[in-house]
Amino acid sequence: MRINLDRDKCIGSGQCVLAAPGWFDQDEDGIAVVLDDTASGDDEEEVDRAAYTCPALAITLDAE
């Protein structure tokens, strides 16, 4: 699956980092950063949880 992050929507809550620390981080302003934009297998559940918990709906996922 492809991970898309709309940094303009991100409010810096950090929920994605808590849900999927191997996939997301935050920059010096607190805005989310995607560490790897392609997830597969068991990692998809963790990334899906990060997208679900994002209060700004800044993360979308596309099947590949």
Protein backbone atom coordinates (compact mmCIF):
# COMPACT_ATOMS: atom_id res chain seq x y z
CA MET A 1 0.00 0.00 0.00
CA ARG A 2 1.11 3.54 -0.70
CA ILE A 3 1.14 6.04 2.18
CA ASN A 4 0.13 9.61 1.35
CA LEU A 5 0.51 12.46 3.82
CA ASP A 6 -0.99 15.90 3.28
CA ARG A 7 1.39 18.00 5.37
CA ASP A 8 -0.86 21.04 4.91
CA LYS A 9 -3.64 19.22 6.81
CA CYS A 10 -1.37 17.90 9.57
CA ILE A 11 -1.96 19.54 12.95
CA GLY A 12 1.03 17.96 14.66
CA SER A 13 -0.81 15.79 17.17
CA GLY A 14 1.72 12.98 16.78
CA GLN A 15 -0.87 10.21 16.78
CA CYS A 16 0.66 8.67 13.66
CA VAL A 17 4.07 8.52 15.34
CA LEU A 18 2.58 6.80 18.39
CA ALA A 19 0.64 4.31 16.24
CA ALA A 20 3.41 3.57 13.72
CA PRO A 21 6.80 4.89 14.89
CA GLY A 22 8.67 2.99 12.19
CA TRP A 23 6.67 4.75 9.49
CA PHE A 24 6.14 8.29 10.76
CA ASP A 25 8.14 10.96 12.54
CA GLN A 26 7.71 14.69 13.16
CA ASP A 27 9.87 17.55 11.92
CA GLU A 28 11.10 20.42 14.08
CA ASP A 29 7.69 22.13 13.72
CA GLY A 30 5.80 19.02 14.82
CA ILE A 31 4.44 18.27 11.34
CA ALA A 32 4.38 14.60 10.38
CA VAL A 33 6.90 13.10 7.99
CA VAL A 34 6.55 9.73 6.24
CA LEU A 35 9.72 7.68 6.67
CA ASP A 36 8.86 5.09 4.00
CA ASP A 37 5.89 5.58 1.66
CA THR A 38 5.29 1.92 0.78
CA ALA A 39 4.04 -0.68 3.26
CA SER A 40 3.26 -4.33 2.71
CA GLY A 41 2.34 -7.47 4.59
CA ASP A 42 2.13 -7.21 8.36
CA ASP A 43 3.14 -3.54 8.29
CA GLU A 44 -0.12 -2.55 6.60
CA GLU A 45 -2.10 -3.00 9.83
CA GLU A 46 0.19 -0.62 11.73
CA VAL A 47 0.05 2.00 8.96
CA ASP A 48 -3.73 1.62 8.71
CA ARG A 49 -4.01 2.28 12.45
CA ALA A 50 -1.92 5.45 12.04
CA ALA A 51 -4.23 6.71 9.28
CA TYR A 52 -7.32 5.88 11.35
CA THR A 53 -6.05 7.73 14.43
CA CYS A 54 -5.05 10.91 12.57
CA PRO A 55 -7.43 13.61 13.85
CA ALA A 56 -6.83 15.81 10.79
CA LEU A 57 -7.36 12.98 8.29
CA ALA A 58 -4.02 13.95 6.74
CA ILE A 59 -3.03 10.34 5.97
CA THR A 60 -4.56 8.41 3.10
CA LEU A 61 -3.66 4.94 1.89
CA ASP A 62 -3.79 3.57 -1.64
CA ALA A 63 -3.67 -0.10 -2.56
CA GLU A 64 -0.91 -0.97 -4.97
